[in-house]
Amino acid sequence: MKQTNLSIFIPHKGCPNTCSFCNQRFISGSEKAPAPDEVRAILAAQVPFLQKNNMQAEIAFFGGSFTAVDRDYRRSLLYAASEYVREFPEAYCGIRCSTRPDCIDEGVLDELKFYGMTAVELGAQSMNDEVLGANLRGHTAEDVRRASRLIKAYGFQLGLQMMTGLYKDTVPNCIDTAKEFAALGADTVRIYPTVILKGTMLDELREKGVYSSFSFEETVELCADLLSFFEEENIPVIRLGLHASEGVENAMTGGVYHPALGEIVKGRIMLRKILEQMERLGGERFVIYTDRRNMSLVAGHKGANRKALEDRGIWFKIKSREGAEVEVEKA
């Protein structure tokens, strides 16, 4: 049975401060937090679709710092979600939320456990204290470590979210963050390259010429490294880049955003594997074999890998071979 998330956005609710990059109105596409009855209506409307398509969803409270919102409001949302998990177990398999590392303690986790929470994601963003401070996060790397250990101790799945290209950030910092995520036992990871939005501190720094984030090419190379690392660690990356959104596209003034970023990065990883095998074999004429499901990744987004190989003067054909990821042979 296929599993997915049904996201319910609680925009900017509960956040104790405004981070350098944050403008939740554009990210979530909404300024109004939903009432419990609206949550019930959303969940009820999705039950037939999930049942028809043999899918299960985790009800996901995203967008703000869920464990920092008003307690009564939070509990009313949890109660509404738990009703649907109990009444429609074939459609809803649990509840997850995103929050800040400094908004987690034993009391909060006791409450989440009571209502059937299954996974807690932390917006860690970086494990470098200089980067966290420069971007007004209001928490430290140690807060992430402490919260992560508590979440794991309570038996929840631990999700960790990181951002690349923040103010004062470096590529080595991002690699170190990924290594810390693995050491903390992350069950899932999300990677968000920084998008500079109107009305944020980052936008002010960009206008002053003191900040520009990573370039698109730097970001693709870095994310290919990160994705490969987490694959080696058997940690699923469940999101790479912000969801496609007109609000983000219209409000963006810099940074890296592309609706097909995940596909582009996976294609770059595939190109690396192809070139590695070609270099080992030697020569300039090759046949690349891959399963049909991988054809688009071998070719690259809009043929990017084809062009990269042709620019190197390499002659090649791509052929189907069932079960193969990518296998290169001399022509």
C-alpha atoms as a PDB file:
ATOM      1  CA  MET A   1       0.000   0.000   0.000  1.00  0.00           C
ATOM      2  CA  LYS A   2       1.368   3.395  -1.004  1.00  0.00           C
ATOM      3  CA  GLN A   3       1.888   5.925   1.791  1.00  0.00           C
ATOM      4  CA  THR A   4       1.745   9.697   1.569  1.00  0.00           C
ATOM      5  CA  ASN A   5       1.273  12.819   3.684  1.00  0.00           C
ATOM      6  CA  LEU A   6      -1.870  14.909   3.856  1.00  0.00           C
ATOM      7  CA  SER A   7      -0.463  18.315   4.765  1.00  0.00           C
ATOM      8  CA  ILE A   8      -2.445  20.792   6.835  1.00  0.00           C
ATOM      9  CA  PHE A   9      -0.672  24.132   7.127  1.00  0.00           C
ATOM     10  CA  ILE A  10      -0.633  26.067  10.370  1.00  0.00           C
ATOM     11  CA  PRO A  11       1.153  29.139   8.947  1.00  0.00           C
ATOM     12  CA  HIS A  12       3.571  30.860  11.323  1.00  0.00           C
ATOM     13  CA  LYS A  13       1.458  29.872  14.314  1.00  0.00           C
ATOM     14  CA  GLY A  14       3.507  29.482  17.460  1.00  0.00           C
ATOM     15  CA  CYS A  15       6.869  30.658  16.128  1.00  0.00           C
ATOM     16  CA  PRO A  16       8.564  32.686  18.886  1.00  0.00           C
ATOM     17  CA  ASN A  17      10.649  34.704  16.422  1.00  0.00           C
ATOM     18  CA  THR A  18      11.045  35.512  12.736  1.00  0.00           C
ATOM     19  CA  CYS A  19      14.044  33.847  11.123  1.00  0.00           C
ATOM     20  CA  SER A  20      16.130  35.508   8.433  1.00  0.00           C
ATOM     21  CA  PHE A  21      14.499  33.539   5.633  1.00  0.00           C
ATOM     22  CA  CYS A  22      10.930  33.323   6.837  1.00  0.00           C
ATOM     23  CA  ASN A  23       7.829  34.599   5.143  1.00  0.00           C
ATOM     24  CA  GLN A  24       5.322  31.820   5.762  1.00  0.00           C
ATOM     25  CA  ARG A  25       2.581  33.646   3.857  1.00  0.00           C
ATOM     26  CA  PHE A  26       4.372  32.901   0.602  1.00  0.00           C
ATOM     27  CA  ILE A  27       5.631  29.432   1.580  1.00  0.00           C
ATOM     28  CA  SER A  28       2.290  28.002   2.729  1.00  0.00           C
ATOM     29  CA  GLY A  29       0.129  30.104   0.420  1.00  0.00           C
ATOM     30  CA  SER A  30      -2.124  30.996   3.319  1.00  0.00           C
ATOM     31  CA  GLU A  31      -2.252  33.322   6.304  1.00  0.00           C
ATOM     32  CA  LYS A  32      -5.264  31.795   8.072  1.00  0.00           C
ATOM     33  CA  ALA A  33      -4.859  28.841  10.403  1.00  0.00           C
ATOM     34  CA  PRO A  34      -7.594  26.203  10.023  1.00  0.00           C
ATOM     35  CA  ALA A  35     -10.248  25.555  12.655  1.00  0.00           C
ATOM     36  CA  PRO A  36     -10.749  21.973  13.898  1.00  0.00           C
ATOM     37  CA  ASP A  37     -13.963  21.604  11.870  1.00  0.00           C
ATOM     38  CA  GLU A  38     -12.086  22.682   8.746  1.00  0.00           C
ATOM     39  CA  VAL A  39      -9.494  19.990   9.457  1.00  0.00           C
ATOM     40  CA  ARG A  40     -12.280  17.424   9.797  1.00  0.00           C
ATOM     41  CA  ALA A  41     -13.753  18.538   6.479  1.00  0.00           C
ATOM     42  CA  ILE A  42     -10.379  18.209   4.742  1.00  0.00           C
ATOM     43  CA  LEU A  43      -9.835  14.729   6.176  1.00  0.00           C
ATOM     44  CA  ALA A  44     -13.365  13.563   5.367  1.00  0.00           C
ATOM     45  CA  ALA A  45     -13.055  14.736   1.769  1.00  0.00           C
ATOM     46  CA  GLN A  46      -9.853  12.713   1.246  1.00  0.00           C
ATOM     47  CA  VAL A  47     -11.096   9.392   2.645  1.00  0.00           C
ATOM     48  CA  PRO A  48     -12.792   8.198  -0.593  1.00  0.00           C
ATOM     49  CA  PHE A  49      -9.760   9.143  -2.693  1.00  0.00           C
ATOM     50  CA  LEU A  50      -7.333   7.304  -0.403  1.00  0.00           C
ATOM     51  CA  GLN A  51      -9.545   4.222  -0.232  1.00  0.00           C
ATOM     52  CA  LYS A  52     -10.088   4.132  -3.994  1.00  0.00           C
ATOM     53  CA  ASN A  53      -6.356   4.370  -4.700  1.00  0.00           C
ATOM     54  CA  ASN A  54      -5.292   1.916  -1.984  1.00  0.00           C
ATOM     55  CA  MET A  55      -3.297   4.623  -0.194  1.00  0.00           C
ATOM     56  CA  GLN A  56      -2.669   5.539   3.428  1.00  0.00           C
ATOM     57  CA  ALA A  57      -1.762   9.005   4.628  1.00  0.00           C
ATOM     58  CA  GLU A  58      -0.155  10.466   7.696  1.00  0.00           C
ATOM     59  CA  ILE A  59      -1.972  13.631   8.731  1.00  0.00           C
ATOM     60  CA  ALA A  60       0.805  16.234   8.750  1.00  0.00           C
ATOM     61  CA  PHE A  61       0.607  19.543  10.608  1.00  0.00           C
ATOM     62  CA  PHE A  62       3.188  21.677   8.833  1.00  0.00           C
ATOM     63  CA  GLY A  63       3.940  25.344   8.258  1.00  0.00           C
ATOM     64  CA  GLY A  64       4.607  26.689  11.739  1.00  0.00           C
ATOM     65  CA  SER A  65       5.955  25.420  15.041  1.00  0.00           C
ATOM     66  CA  PHE A  66       3.167  23.034  15.945  1.00  0.00           C
ATOM     67  CA  THR A  67       4.224  22.295  19.521  1.00  0.00           C
ATOM     68  CA  ALA A  68       4.444  26.032  20.295  1.00  0.00           C
ATOM     69  CA  VAL A  69       0.904  26.991  19.249  1.00  0.00           C
ATOM     70  CA  ASP A  70      -1.740  27.704  21.870  1.00  0.00           C
ATOM     71  CA  ARG A  71      -2.208  24.469  23.807  1.00  0.00           C
ATOM     72  CA  ASP A  72      -6.003  24.330  23.550  1.00  0.00           C
ATOM     73  CA  TYR A  73      -5.916  25.009  19.819  1.00  0.00           C
ATOM     74  CA  ARG A  74      -3.205  22.397  19.315  1.00  0.00           C
ATOM     75  CA  ARG A  75      -5.136  19.786  21.260  1.00  0.00           C
ATOM     76  CA  SER A  76      -8.311  20.517  19.296  1.00  0.00           C
ATOM     77  CA  LEU A  77      -6.440  19.826  16.054  1.00  0.00           C
ATOM     78  CA  LEU A  78      -4.859  16.676  17.451  1.00  0.00           C
ATOM     79  CA  TYR A  79      -8.237  15.433  18.653  1.00  0.00           C
ATOM     80  CA  ALA A  80      -9.752  16.004  15.206  1.00  0.00           C
ATOM     81  CA  ALA A  81      -6.886  14.156  13.522  1.00  0.00           C
ATOM     82  CA  SER A  82      -6.945  11.279  16.005  1.00  0.00           C
ATOM     83  CA  GLU A  83     -10.670  10.765  15.328  1.00  0.00           C
ATOM     84  CA  TYR A  84      -9.955  10.051  11.666  1.00  0.00           C
ATOM     85  CA  VAL A  85      -6.990   7.787  12.423  1.00  0.00           C
ATOM     86  CA  ARG A  86      -9.263   5.719  14.682  1.00  0.00           C
ATOM     87  CA  GLU A  87     -12.330   5.713  12.405  1.00  0.00           C
ATOM     88  CA  PHE A  88     -10.573   5.258   9.059  1.00  0.00           C
ATOM     89  CA  PRO A  89      -7.391   3.219   9.728  1.00  0.00           C
ATOM     90  CA  GLU A  90      -7.372   2.030   6.124  1.00  0.00           C
ATOM     91  CA  ALA A  91      -6.997   5.677   5.014  1.00  0.00           C
ATOM     92  CA  TYR A  92      -5.016   7.333   7.834  1.00  0.00           C
ATOM     93  CA  CYS A  93      -2.024   5.627   9.432  1.00  0.00           C
ATOM     94  CA  GLY A  94      -0.835   8.304  11.842  1.00  0.00           C
ATOM     95  CA  ILE A  95      -0.083  11.945  12.578  1.00  0.00           C
ATOM     96  CA  ARG A  96       3.132  13.905  12.101  1.00  0.00           C
ATOM     97  CA  CYS A  97       4.101  17.494  12.779  1.00  0.00           C
ATOM     98  CA  SER A  98       6.955  19.910  12.271  1.00  0.00           C
ATOM     99  CA  THR A  99       8.259  22.147  15.017  1.00  0.00           C
ATOM    100  CA  ARG A 100      11.291  23.916  16.452  1.00  0.00           C
ATOM    101  CA  PRO A 101      13.971  22.054  18.440  1.00  0.00           C
ATOM    102  CA  ASP A 102      13.535  24.428  21.389  1.00  0.00           C
ATOM    103  CA  CYS A 103       9.782  23.712  21.552  1.00  0.00           C
ATOM    104  CA  ILE A 104      10.180  20.069  22.566  1.00  0.00           C
ATOM    105  CA  ASP A 105      10.126  18.727  26.126  1.00  0.00           C
ATOM    106  CA  GLU A 106       8.760  15.716  27.995  1.00  0.00           C
ATOM    107  CA  GLY A 107       5.377  17.334  28.649  1.00  0.00           C
ATOM    108  CA  VAL A 108       4.836  18.121  24.976  1.00  0.00           C
ATOM    109  CA  LEU A 109       5.902  14.637  23.911  1.00  0.00           C
ATOM    110  CA  ASP A 110       3.565  13.051  26.484  1.00  0.00           C
ATOM    111  CA  GLU A 111       0.712  14.992  24.905  1.00  0.00           C
ATOM    112  CA  LEU A 112       1.670  14.034  21.344  1.00  0.00           C
ATOM    113  CA  LYS A 113       1.917  10.390  22.391  1.00  0.00           C
ATOM    114  CA  PHE A 114      -1.552  10.536  23.946  1.00  0.00           C
ATOM    115  CA  TYR A 115      -3.117  11.716  20.689  1.00  0.00           C
ATOM    116  CA  GLY A 116      -1.337   9.150  18.536  1.00  0.00           C
ATOM    117  CA  MET A 117       1.445  11.194  16.981  1.00  0.00           C
ATOM    118  CA  THR A 118       3.758   8.951  14.949  1.00  0.00           C
ATOM    119  CA  ALA A 119       6.515  11.268  13.702  1.00  0.00           C
ATOM    120  CA  VAL A 120       8.012  14.603  14.744  1.00  0.00           C
ATOM    121  CA  GLU A 121      10.094  16.685  12.348  1.00  0.00           C
ATOM    122  CA  LEU A 122      12.487  19.343  13.590  1.00  0.00           C
ATOM    123  CA  GLY A 123      13.386  22.412  11.594  1.00  0.00           C
ATOM    124  CA  ALA A 124      17.058  22.194  12.498  1.00  0.00           C
ATOM    125  CA  GLN A 125      18.244  24.015   9.327  1.00  0.00           C
ATOM    126  CA  SER A 126      21.935  23.806  10.342  1.00  0.00           C
ATOM    127  CA  MET A 127      24.098  22.215  13.000  1.00  0.00           C
ATOM    128  CA  ASN A 128      26.497  25.170  12.961  1.00  0.00           C
ATOM    129  CA  ASP A 129      25.906  27.678  15.744  1.00  0.00           C
ATOM    130  CA  GLU A 130      27.370  30.594  13.789  1.00  0.00           C
ATOM    131  CA  VAL A 131      24.917  29.961  10.948  1.00  0.00           C
ATOM    132  CA  LEU A 132      22.004  29.529  13.365  1.00  0.00           C
ATOM    133  CA  GLY A 133      22.833  32.783  15.134  1.00  0.00           C
ATOM    134  CA  ALA A 134      23.361  34.773  11.936  1.00  0.00           C
ATOM    135  CA  ASN A 135      19.943  33.669  10.680  1.00  0.00           C
ATOM    136  CA  LEU A 136      18.095  34.502  13.928  1.00  0.00           C
ATOM    137  CA  ARG A 137      17.003  30.944  14.563  1.00  0.00           C
ATOM    138  CA  GLY A 138      16.818  31.434  18.328  1.00  0.00           C
ATOM    139  CA  HIS A 139      18.102  27.943  19.126  1.00  0.00           C
ATOM    140  CA  THR A 140      21.439  26.159  19.109  1.00  0.00           C
ATOM    141  CA  ALA A 141      22.764  22.938  17.619  1.00  0.00           C
ATOM    142  CA  GLU A 142      22.678  21.465  21.123  1.00  0.00           C
ATOM    143  CA  ASP A 143      18.932  22.142  21.237  1.00  0.00           C
ATOM    144  CA  VAL A 144      18.600  19.995  18.103  1.00  0.00           C
ATOM    145  CA  ARG A 145      20.617  17.201  19.681  1.00  0.00           C
ATOM    146  CA  ARG A 146      18.622  17.285  22.922  1.00  0.00           C
ATOM    147  CA  ALA A 147      15.230  17.356  21.153  1.00  0.00           C
ATOM    148  CA  SER A 148      16.242  14.603  18.727  1.00  0.00           C
ATOM    149  CA  ARG A 149      17.283  12.273  21.546  1.00  0.00           C
ATOM    150  CA  LEU A 150      14.017  12.899  23.386  1.00  0.00           C
ATOM    151  CA  ILE A 151      11.925  12.250  20.283  1.00  0.00           C
ATOM    152  CA  LYS A 152      13.717   8.964  19.643  1.00  0.00           C
ATOM    153  CA  ALA A 153      13.426   7.972  23.301  1.00  0.00           C
ATOM    154  CA  TYR A 154       9.639   8.404  23.100  1.00  0.00           C
ATOM    155  CA  GLY A 155       9.477   6.063  20.106  1.00  0.00           C
ATOM    156  CA  PHE A 156       8.512   8.664  17.501  1.00  0.00           C
ATOM    157  CA  GLN A 157      10.010   8.691  14.041  1.00  0.00           C
ATOM    158  CA  LEU A 158      12.521  11.535  13.879  1.00  0.00           C
ATOM    159  CA  GLY A 159      12.513  13.818  10.859  1.00  0.00           C
ATOM    160  CA  LEU A 160      15.223  16.451  10.490  1.00  0.00           C
ATOM    161  CA  GLN A 161      15.060  19.360   8.076  1.00  0.00           C
ATOM    162  CA  MET A 162      18.097  21.245   6.796  1.00  0.00           C
ATOM    163  CA  MET A 163      18.595  24.328   4.663  1.00  0.00           C
ATOM    164  CA  THR A 164      21.538  24.965   2.356  1.00  0.00           C
ATOM    165  CA  GLY A 165      22.971  28.342   1.445  1.00  0.00           C
ATOM    166  CA  LEU A 166      21.861  30.362   4.446  1.00  0.00           C
ATOM    167  CA  TYR A 167      23.653  33.568   5.462  1.00  0.00           C
ATOM    168  CA  LYS A 168      27.182  32.699   6.661  1.00  0.00           C
ATOM    169  CA  ASP A 169      26.738  29.115   5.434  1.00  0.00           C
ATOM    170  CA  THR A 170      29.376  27.064   3.585  1.00  0.00           C
ATOM    171  CA  VAL A 171      29.334  23.776   1.706  1.00  0.00           C
ATOM    172  CA  PRO A 172      31.453  22.051   4.418  1.00  0.00           C
ATOM    173  CA  ASN A 173      28.944  23.259   7.049  1.00  0.00           C
ATOM    174  CA  CYS A 174      26.134  21.578   5.112  1.00  0.00           C
ATOM    175  CA  ILE A 175      28.071  18.315   4.843  1.00  0.00           C
ATOM    176  CA  ASP A 176      28.769  18.413   8.588  1.00  0.00           C
ATOM    177  CA  THR A 177      25.064  19.007   9.250  1.00  0.00           C
ATOM    178  CA  ALA A 178      24.179  15.929   7.206  1.00  0.00           C
ATOM    179  CA  LYS A 179      26.688  13.841   9.169  1.00  0.00           C
ATOM    180  CA  GLU A 180      25.205  15.026  12.466  1.00  0.00           C
ATOM    181  CA  PHE A 181      21.695  14.157  11.245  1.00  0.00           C
ATOM    182  CA  ALA A 182      22.847  10.610  10.570  1.00  0.00           C
ATOM    183  CA  ALA A 183      24.570  10.386  13.957  1.00  0.00           C
ATOM    184  CA  LEU A 184      21.352  11.521  15.664  1.00  0.00           C
ATOM    185  CA  GLY A 185      19.446   8.638  14.079  1.00  0.00           C
ATOM    186  CA  ALA A 186      17.214  10.599  11.707  1.00  0.00           C
ATOM    187  CA  ASP A 187      14.531   8.399  10.159  1.00  0.00           C
ATOM    188  CA  THR A 188      13.776  10.908   7.401  1.00  0.00           C
ATOM    189  CA  VAL A 189      15.351  14.108   6.097  1.00  0.00           C
ATOM    190  CA  ARG A 190      14.150  17.106   4.114  1.00  0.00           C
ATOM    191  CA  ILE A 191      16.593  19.347   2.259  1.00  0.00           C
ATOM    192  CA  TYR A 192      15.576  22.891   1.434  1.00  0.00           C
ATOM    193  CA  PRO A 193      17.974  25.088  -0.558  1.00  0.00           C
ATOM    194  CA  THR A 194      17.485  28.659   0.636  1.00  0.00           C
ATOM    195  CA  VAL A 195      14.978  30.748  -1.296  1.00  0.00           C
ATOM    196  CA  ILE A 196      15.264  34.493  -0.670  1.00  0.00           C
ATOM    197  CA  LEU A 197      11.785  36.014  -0.341  1.00  0.00           C
ATOM    198  CA  LYS A 198      10.608  39.594  -0.367  1.00  0.00           C
ATOM    199  CA  GLY A 199      10.270  41.169   3.053  1.00  0.00           C
ATOM    200  CA  THR A 200      12.830  38.944   4.792  1.00  0.00           C
ATOM    201  CA  MET A 201      16.141  39.762   6.432  1.00  0.00           C
ATOM    202  CA  LEU A 202      17.921  37.758   3.745  1.00  0.00           C
ATOM    203  CA  ASP A 203      16.368  39.979   1.100  1.00  0.00           C
ATOM    204  CA  GLU A 204      17.667  43.059   2.923  1.00  0.00           C
ATOM    205  CA  LEU A 205      21.149  41.520   3.074  1.00  0.00           C
ATOM    206  CA  ARG A 206      20.935  40.668  -0.639  1.00  0.00           C
ATOM    207  CA  GLU A 207      19.993  44.266  -1.477  1.00  0.00           C
ATOM    208  CA  LYS A 208      22.987  45.523   0.531  1.00  0.00           C
ATOM    209  CA  GLY A 209      25.262  43.195  -1.434  1.00  0.00           C
ATOM    210  CA  VAL A 210      26.507  41.237   1.579  1.00  0.00           C
ATOM    211  CA  TYR A 211      24.678  37.958   0.847  1.00  0.00           C
ATOM    212  CA  SER A 212      23.881  35.986  -2.297  1.00  0.00           C
ATOM    213  CA  SER A 213      23.365  32.346  -1.177  1.00  0.00           C
ATOM    214  CA  PHE A 214      24.799  29.449  -3.211  1.00  0.00           C
ATOM    215  CA  SER A 215      24.508  29.442  -7.004  1.00  0.00           C
ATOM    216  CA  PHE A 216      22.185  27.010  -8.772  1.00  0.00           C
ATOM    217  CA  GLU A 217      25.127  24.874  -9.923  1.00  0.00           C
ATOM    218  CA  GLU A 218      26.712  24.840  -6.459  1.00  0.00           C
ATOM    219  CA  THR A 219      23.365  23.802  -5.001  1.00  0.00           C
ATOM    220  CA  VAL A 220      22.843  20.958  -7.478  1.00  0.00           C
ATOM    221  CA  GLU A 221      26.353  19.609  -6.793  1.00  0.00           C
ATOM    222  CA  LEU A 222      25.918  19.931  -3.032  1.00  0.00           C
ATOM    223  CA  CYS A 223      22.467  18.335  -3.023  1.00  0.00           C
ATOM    224  CA  ALA A 224      23.820  15.464  -5.144  1.00  0.00           C
ATOM    225  CA  ASP A 225      26.483  14.927  -2.470  1.00  0.00           C
ATOM    226  CA  LEU A 226      23.883  15.098   0.312  1.00  0.00           C
ATOM    227  CA  LEU A 227      21.430  12.774  -1.425  1.00  0.00           C
ATOM    228  CA  SER A 228      24.201  10.244  -2.069  1.00  0.00           C
ATOM    229  CA  PHE A 229      25.340  10.433   1.550  1.00  0.00           C
ATOM    230  CA  PHE A 230      21.869   9.868   2.985  1.00  0.00           C
ATOM    231  CA  GLU A 231      21.297   6.983   0.557  1.00  0.00           C
ATOM    232  CA  GLU A 232      24.477   5.342   1.859  1.00  0.00           C
ATOM    233  CA  GLU A 233      23.180   5.853   5.409  1.00  0.00           C
ATOM    234  CA  ASN A 234      19.771   4.353   4.469  1.00  0.00           C
ATOM    235  CA  ILE A 235      17.994   7.575   5.460  1.00  0.00           C
ATOM    236  CA  PRO A 236      15.187   8.526   3.052  1.00  0.00           C
ATOM    237  CA  VAL A 237      15.190  12.120   1.790  1.00  0.00           C
ATOM    238  CA  ILE A 238      11.448  12.706   1.596  1.00  0.00           C
ATOM    239  CA  ARG A 239      11.644  16.218   0.166  1.00  0.00           C
ATOM    240  CA  LEU A 240      14.241  18.166  -1.805  1.00  0.00           C
ATOM    241  CA  GLY A 241      13.328  21.806  -2.408  1.00  0.00           C
ATOM    242  CA  LEU A 242      10.140  23.737  -1.739  1.00  0.00           C
ATOM    243  CA  HIS A 243       6.889  22.537  -3.295  1.00  0.00           C
ATOM    244  CA  ALA A 244       5.947  24.207  -6.567  1.00  0.00           C
ATOM    245  CA  SER A 245       4.128  27.404  -5.695  1.00  0.00           C
ATOM    246  CA  GLU A 246       3.182  30.558  -7.583  1.00  0.00           C
ATOM    247  CA  GLY A 247       3.457  32.446  -4.307  1.00  0.00           C
ATOM    248  CA  VAL A 248       7.095  31.449  -3.880  1.00  0.00           C
ATOM    249  CA  GLU A 249       7.932  32.091  -7.538  1.00  0.00           C
ATOM    250  CA  ASN A 250       6.369  35.564  -7.445  1.00  0.00           C
ATOM    251  CA  ALA A 251       8.013  36.513  -4.124  1.00  0.00           C
ATOM    252  CA  MET A 252      11.467  35.104  -4.844  1.00  0.00           C
ATOM    253  CA  THR A 253      14.335  37.579  -5.176  1.00  0.00           C
ATOM    254  CA  GLY A 254      17.275  35.164  -5.025  1.00  0.00           C
ATOM    255  CA  GLY A 255      18.501  31.804  -3.833  1.00  0.00           C
ATOM    256  CA  VAL A 256      17.608  28.513  -5.507  1.00  0.00           C
ATOM    257  CA  TYR A 257      14.148  27.321  -6.472  1.00  0.00           C
ATOM    258  CA  HIS A 258      13.087  24.978  -9.271  1.00  0.00           C
ATOM    259  CA  PRO A 259       9.899  22.899  -9.426  1.00  0.00           C
ATOM    260  CA  ALA A 260      11.935  19.929 -10.733  1.00  0.00           C
ATOM    261  CA  LEU A 261      14.950  20.327  -8.447  1.00  0.00           C
ATOM    262  CA  GLY A 262      14.703  16.761  -7.144  1.00  0.00           C
ATOM    263  CA  GLU A 263      14.735  15.365 -10.678  1.00  0.00           C
ATOM    264  CA  ILE A 264      17.686  17.585 -11.636  1.00  0.00           C
ATOM    265  CA  VAL A 265      19.730  16.452  -8.626  1.00  0.00           C
ATOM    266  CA  LYS A 266      18.943  12.767  -9.166  1.00  0.00           C
ATOM    267  CA  GLY A 267      19.940  13.194 -12.805  1.00  0.00           C
ATOM    268  CA  ARG A 268      23.263  14.701 -11.702  1.00  0.00           C
ATOM    269  CA  ILE A 269      23.923  11.673  -9.474  1.00  0.00           C
ATOM    270  CA  MET A 270      23.178   9.414 -12.438  1.00  0.00           C
ATOM    271  CA  LEU A 271      25.607  11.385 -14.630  1.00  0.00           C
ATOM    272  CA  ARG A 272      28.327  10.911 -12.020  1.00  0.00           C
ATOM    273  CA  LYS A 273      27.750   7.144 -12.061  1.00  0.00           C
ATOM    274  CA  ILE A 274      27.855   7.055 -15.861  1.00  0.00           C
ATOM    275  CA  LEU A 275      31.075   9.065 -16.075  1.00  0.00           C
ATOM    276  CA  GLU A 276      32.710   6.968 -13.358  1.00  0.00           C
ATOM    277  CA  GLN A 277      32.042   3.772 -15.327  1.00  0.00           C
ATOM    278  CA  MET A 278      33.152   5.345 -18.620  1.00  0.00           C
ATOM    279  CA  GLU A 279      36.389   6.547 -17.089  1.00  0.00           C
ATOM    280  CA  ARG A 280      37.067   3.089 -15.726  1.00  0.00           C
ATOM    281  CA  LEU A 281      36.431   1.479 -19.135  1.00  0.00           C
ATOM    282  CA  GLY A 282      38.280   4.076 -21.201  1.00  0.00           C
ATOM    283  CA  GLY A 283      37.423   5.089 -24.762  1.00  0.00           C
ATOM    284  CA  GLU A 284      34.821   7.349 -26.356  1.00  0.00           C
ATOM    285  CA  ARG A 285      32.023   5.046 -27.591  1.00  0.00           C
ATOM    286  CA  PHE A 286      29.603   3.425 -25.144  1.00  0.00           C
ATOM    287  CA  VAL A 287      26.228   1.792 -24.641  1.00  0.00           C
ATOM    288  CA  ILE A 288      24.385   2.808 -21.474  1.00  0.00           C
ATOM    289  CA  TYR A 289      21.918   0.225 -20.181  1.00  0.00           C
ATOM    290  CA  THR A 290      19.202   1.049 -17.700  1.00  0.00           C
ATOM    291  CA  ASP A 291      15.759  -0.079 -16.634  1.00  0.00           C
ATOM    292  CA  ARG A 292      12.931   1.753 -18.428  1.00  0.00           C
ATOM    293  CA  ARG A 293      11.927   3.472 -15.200  1.00  0.00           C
ATOM    294  CA  ASN A 294      15.361   5.140 -15.071  1.00  0.00           C
ATOM    295  CA  MET A 295      15.459   6.339 -18.687  1.00  0.00           C
ATOM    296  CA  SER A 296      14.575   9.936 -17.837  1.00  0.00           C
ATOM    297  CA  LEU A 297      17.220  10.104 -15.103  1.00  0.00           C
ATOM    298  CA  VAL A 298      19.908   8.751 -17.439  1.00  0.00           C
ATOM    299  CA  ALA A 299      18.974  11.314 -20.074  1.00  0.00           C
ATOM    300  CA  GLY A 300      18.767  14.051 -17.427  1.00  0.00           C
ATOM    301  CA  HIS A 301      16.222  16.817 -16.950  1.00  0.00           C
ATOM    302  CA  LYS A 302      15.429  18.161 -20.433  1.00  0.00           C
ATOM    303  CA  GLY A 303      18.293  16.069 -21.815  1.00  0.00           C
ATOM    304  CA  ALA A 304      20.965  17.646 -19.585  1.00  0.00           C
ATOM    305  CA  ASN A 305      22.995  14.439 -19.247  1.00  0.00           C
ATOM    306  CA  ARG A 306      22.859  13.758 -22.985  1.00  0.00           C
ATOM    307  CA  LYS A 307      24.242  17.231 -23.612  1.00  0.00           C
ATOM    308  CA  ALA A 308      26.932  16.867 -20.921  1.00  0.00           C
ATOM    309  CA  LEU A 309      28.192  13.631 -22.509  1.00  0.00           C
ATOM    310  CA  GLU A 310      28.045  15.055 -26.040  1.00  0.00           C
ATOM    311  CA  ASP A 311      29.978  18.143 -24.901  1.00  0.00           C
ATOM    312  CA  ARG A 312      32.721  15.778 -23.736  1.00  0.00           C
ATOM    313  CA  GLY A 313      32.914  14.268 -27.221  1.00  0.00           C
ATOM    314  CA  ILE A 314      31.426  10.949 -26.070  1.00  0.00           C
ATOM    315  CA  TRP A 315      29.371   8.836 -28.486  1.00  0.00           C
ATOM    316  CA  PHE A 316      26.714   6.736 -26.770  1.00  0.00           C
ATOM    317  CA  LYS A 317      23.385   4.979 -27.013  1.00  0.00           C
ATOM    318  CA  ILE A 318      20.917   4.410 -24.202  1.00  0.00           C
ATOM    319  CA  LYS A 319      19.239   0.987 -24.203  1.00  0.00           C
ATOM    320  CA  SER A 320      16.781  -0.747 -21.907  1.00  0.00           C
ATOM    321  CA  ARG A 321      17.914  -3.537 -19.607  1.00  0.00           C
ATOM    322  CA  GLU A 322      15.390  -4.783 -17.075  1.00  0.00           C
ATOM    323  CA  GLY A 323      16.471  -4.331 -13.459  1.00  0.00           C
ATOM    324  CA  ALA A 324      19.565  -2.280 -14.262  1.00  0.00           C
ATOM    325  CA  GLU A 325      20.163   1.064 -12.558  1.00  0.00           C
ATOM    326  CA  VAL A 326      22.935   2.096 -14.948  1.00  0.00           C
ATOM    327  CA  GLU A 327      25.452  -0.219 -16.619  1.00  0.00           C
ATOM    328  CA  VAL A 328      27.968   1.124 -19.157  1.00  0.00           C
ATOM    329  CA  GLU A 329      29.670  -1.052 -21.746  1.00  0.00           C
ATOM    330  CA  LYS A 330      31.993  -0.220 -24.616  1.00  0.00           C
ATOM    331  CA  ALA A 331      30.230   0.044 -27.990  1.00  0.00           C
END
